[in-house]
Amino acid sequence: MTPQELLDEVKGRFVVLYHDNDAALQRLLRQALGKYQDRAGVLMETRYPAGTLETDLPDFFLGVAACQDEACHFVPVTVDEESQKLRFQPGTANAGELTLHWLARLRDWPLDKPLPHGCTGLVGDYLEALIDIPNTARTRDAYHAIDGPVADLPSLQELKSRLAELELSMEENRAILPSIMVIC
């Protein structure tokens, strides 16, 4: 599911969407993706053939989580920000294909590229909670404008509590790094 498809799906969760400004919704989508990036993280994996010493940074690269060879031995890797390169430093004990585990930048994820698996549920729920805050305020204003009875709407504190609960869920679902052996 792409971020745009996720936004469209979340918009469909609202019976009435007063907060429907596209630019504002895009900002909330980026905020939800960023919060997931910060709280849970998205761990990606890229494999490189044996003997690889240097390669370009993967798209949407945020940082190195770990690197290992086929025998699960640790392989040091440095990031050259200036040249946008990764440099592997395999030792004599390292052998075979290298597996790089890295964290992805969700904040910059293109709206038309499928999101990494496993993050859409919480990102969607968090986005819904973010949209619900201004949407509930506008719903409340609409009821006041027509002097009608105010529907049973959640308070701002309840809406913010929901955000905090979702952030905690993100932390509980944090990306787990693979185990690696370090040979001394």
Protein backbone atom coordinates (compact mmCIF):
# COMPACT_ATOMS: atom_id res chain seq x y z
CA MET A 1 0.00 0.00 0.00
CA THR A 2 1.39 3.40 -0.94
CA PRO A 3 1.22 6.39 1.42
CA GLN A 4 -1.39 7.99 -0.86
CA GLU A 5 -3.53 4.84 -0.79
CA LEU A 6 -3.16 4.75 2.99
CA LEU A 7 -4.30 8.37 3.26
CA ASP A 8 -7.31 7.65 1.03
CA GLU A 9 -8.19 4.60 3.14
CA VAL A 10 -7.95 6.58 6.38
CA LYS A 11 -10.07 9.41 4.96
CA GLY A 12 -12.73 6.77 4.27
CA ARG A 13 -12.88 5.92 7.97
CA PHE A 14 -14.62 9.24 8.69
CA VAL A 15 -18.38 9.52 8.21
CA VAL A 16 -17.96 13.27 7.69
CA LEU A 17 -14.53 14.68 6.98
CA TYR A 18 -14.54 18.40 7.69
CA HIS A 19 -10.74 18.57 7.77
CA ASP A 20 -10.34 17.78 4.07
CA ASN A 21 -7.66 20.22 2.90
CA ASP A 22 -5.27 18.14 0.78
CA ALA A 23 -2.13 20.04 1.83
CA ALA A 24 -3.04 19.73 5.51
CA LEU A 25 -3.76 16.02 5.14
CA GLN A 26 -0.44 15.50 3.35
CA ARG A 27 1.35 17.21 6.27
CA LEU A 28 -0.44 14.94 8.74
CA LEU A 29 0.53 11.92 6.62
CA ARG A 30 4.20 13.00 6.72
CA GLN A 31 3.88 13.56 10.47
CA ALA A 32 2.48 10.04 10.96
CA LEU A 33 5.26 8.51 8.83
CA GLY A 34 7.87 10.50 10.75
CA LYS A 35 6.48 9.45 14.10
CA TYR A 36 6.62 5.80 13.06
CA GLN A 37 10.18 6.31 11.81
CA ASP A 38 11.20 7.81 15.16
CA ARG A 39 9.30 5.49 17.49
CA ALA A 40 9.41 2.10 15.77
CA GLY A 41 11.72 2.37 12.80
CA VAL A 42 11.63 0.36 9.61
CA LEU A 43 14.41 -2.17 9.24
CA MET A 44 15.33 -2.95 5.64
CA GLU A 45 17.73 -5.55 4.30
CA THR A 46 19.99 -5.43 1.26
CA ARG A 47 22.34 -8.19 0.13
CA TYR A 48 25.65 -7.64 -1.63
CA PRO A 49 27.84 -10.22 -3.39
CA ALA A 50 31.00 -11.52 -1.71
CA GLY A 51 33.91 -9.15 -2.15
CA THR A 52 31.84 -5.96 -2.20
CA LEU A 53 33.89 -3.17 -0.62
CA GLU A 54 31.90 -0.10 -1.66
CA THR A 55 28.39 0.63 -2.90
CA ASP A 56 25.89 3.47 -3.19
CA LEU A 57 23.58 4.18 -0.26
CA PRO A 58 20.20 2.46 -0.65
CA ASP A 59 17.24 4.70 -1.48
CA PHE A 60 15.72 6.29 1.65
CA PHE A 61 18.70 5.23 3.77
CA LEU A 62 18.64 6.63 7.32
CA GLY A 63 21.36 4.67 9.08
CA VAL A 64 23.18 1.36 9.42
CA ALA A 65 21.67 -1.09 11.87
CA ALA A 66 24.05 -4.03 11.31
CA CYS A 67 26.06 -5.81 8.66
CA GLN A 68 27.03 -9.48 8.59
CA ASP A 69 28.46 -12.10 6.28
CA GLU A 70 26.94 -15.50 5.45
CA ALA A 71 28.25 -17.00 8.71
CA CYS A 72 26.56 -14.19 10.70
CA HIS A 73 29.91 -12.59 11.53
CA PHE A 74 29.91 -8.84 12.11
CA VAL A 75 31.23 -6.77 9.20
CA PRO A 76 32.17 -3.14 9.97
CA VAL A 77 30.65 -0.62 7.59
CA THR A 78 31.15 3.12 7.32
CA VAL A 79 28.91 5.68 5.70
CA ASP A 80 30.49 8.39 3.56
CA GLU A 81 27.80 11.08 3.51
CA GLU A 82 29.75 13.27 1.12
CA SER A 83 30.02 10.66 -1.64
CA GLN A 84 26.78 8.88 -0.64
CA LYS A 85 28.66 5.56 -0.38
CA LEU A 86 28.82 2.63 2.01
CA ARG A 87 32.24 1.11 2.62
CA PHE A 88 32.48 -2.45 3.93
CA GLN A 89 35.53 -3.62 5.87
CA PRO A 90 35.33 -7.41 5.86
CA GLY A 91 37.99 -9.14 7.92
CA THR A 92 39.85 -12.33 7.14
CA ALA A 93 37.24 -14.40 8.97
CA ASN A 94 34.41 -12.88 6.92
CA ALA A 95 33.21 -14.89 4.00
CA GLY A 96 30.52 -14.82 1.37
CA GLU A 97 27.61 -12.57 0.68
CA LEU A 98 27.12 -9.50 2.88
CA THR A 99 23.76 -8.62 4.39
CA LEU A 100 23.23 -4.99 5.37
CA HIS A 101 20.40 -4.19 7.77
CA TRP A 102 19.53 -0.52 7.63
CA LEU A 103 16.90 1.91 8.87
CA ALA A 104 14.68 3.61 6.29
CA ARG A 105 13.63 7.28 6.07
CA LEU A 106 9.85 7.13 6.02
CA ARG A 107 9.47 10.92 6.19
CA ASP A 108 10.73 11.21 2.61
CA TRP A 109 8.92 8.15 1.25
CA PRO A 110 7.29 8.87 -2.15
CA LEU A 111 3.51 8.95 -2.11
CA ASP A 112 3.30 6.47 -4.99
CA LYS A 113 5.82 3.86 -3.76
CA PRO A 114 4.54 0.95 -1.63
CA LEU A 115 5.40 1.30 2.05
CA PRO A 116 7.55 -1.37 3.72
CA HIS A 117 5.53 -4.28 5.06
CA GLY A 118 4.37 -4.12 8.62
CA CYS A 119 4.09 -0.38 9.14
CA THR A 120 0.80 0.48 7.44
CA GLY A 121 -1.47 -0.58 10.31
CA LEU A 122 -0.01 1.65 13.01
CA VAL A 123 0.78 4.49 10.60
CA GLY A 124 -2.83 4.42 9.42
CA ASP A 125 -4.21 4.36 12.96
CA TYR A 126 -1.91 7.21 13.98
CA LEU A 127 -2.88 9.22 10.91
CA GLU A 128 -6.55 8.69 11.74
CA ALA A 129 -5.94 9.95 15.28
CA LEU A 130 -4.08 12.99 13.94
CA ILE A 131 -6.90 13.83 11.53
CA ASP A 132 -9.49 13.22 14.24
CA ILE A 133 -8.22 16.14 16.35
CA PRO A 134 -8.95 18.96 13.86
CA ASN A 135 -11.93 17.09 12.41
CA THR A 136 -13.57 16.82 15.84
CA ALA A 137 -12.93 20.52 16.47
CA ARG A 138 -14.61 21.39 13.17
CA THR A 139 -17.49 19.03 13.93
CA ARG A 140 -17.96 20.78 17.27
CA ASP A 141 -17.90 24.18 15.50
CA ALA A 142 -20.49 22.97 12.97
CA TYR A 143 -22.87 21.95 15.76
CA HIS A 144 -22.40 25.29 17.50
CA ALA A 145 -23.03 27.18 14.23
CA ILE A 146 -26.46 25.61 13.81
CA ASP A 147 -27.28 25.86 17.52
CA GLY A 148 -27.95 22.18 17.53
CA PRO A 149 -27.22 19.73 20.28
CA VAL A 150 -23.55 18.87 20.46
CA ALA A 151 -23.00 15.25 19.59
CA ASP A 152 -21.14 13.03 22.00
CA LEU A 153 -17.66 13.95 20.77
CA PRO A 154 -14.39 12.99 22.44
CA SER A 155 -12.53 15.72 24.29
CA LEU A 156 -9.19 17.05 23.13
CA GLN A 157 -7.56 15.25 26.07
CA GLU A 158 -9.12 11.93 25.00
CA LEU A 159 -7.89 12.44 21.43
CA LYS A 160 -4.37 13.26 22.63
CA SER A 161 -4.44 10.21 24.92
CA ARG A 162 -5.18 8.07 21.88
CA LEU A 163 -2.12 9.52 20.13
CA ALA A 164 0.03 8.72 23.17
CA GLU A 165 -1.29 5.13 23.26
CA LEU A 166 -0.49 4.67 19.56
CA GLU A 167 3.03 6.06 20.10
CA LEU A 168 3.52 3.52 22.88
CA SER A 169 2.30 0.77 20.53
CA MET A 170 4.85 1.92 17.97
CA GLU A 171 7.63 1.68 20.54
CA GLU A 172 6.46 -1.80 21.54
CA ASN A 173 6.68 -2.84 17.87
CA ARG A 174 10.15 -1.39 17.43
CA ALA A 175 12.33 -2.93 14.74
CA ILE A 176 14.49 -5.69 16.24
CA LEU A 177 18.07 -5.98 15.09
CA PRO A 178 19.35 -9.37 13.96
CA SER A 179 21.89 -11.19 16.10
CA ILE A 180 25.50 -11.09 14.88
CA MET A 181 28.66 -12.76 16.10
CA VAL A 182 31.68 -10.58 16.76
CA ILE A 183 34.95 -12.48 16.43
CA CYS A 184 37.80 -11.12 18.48
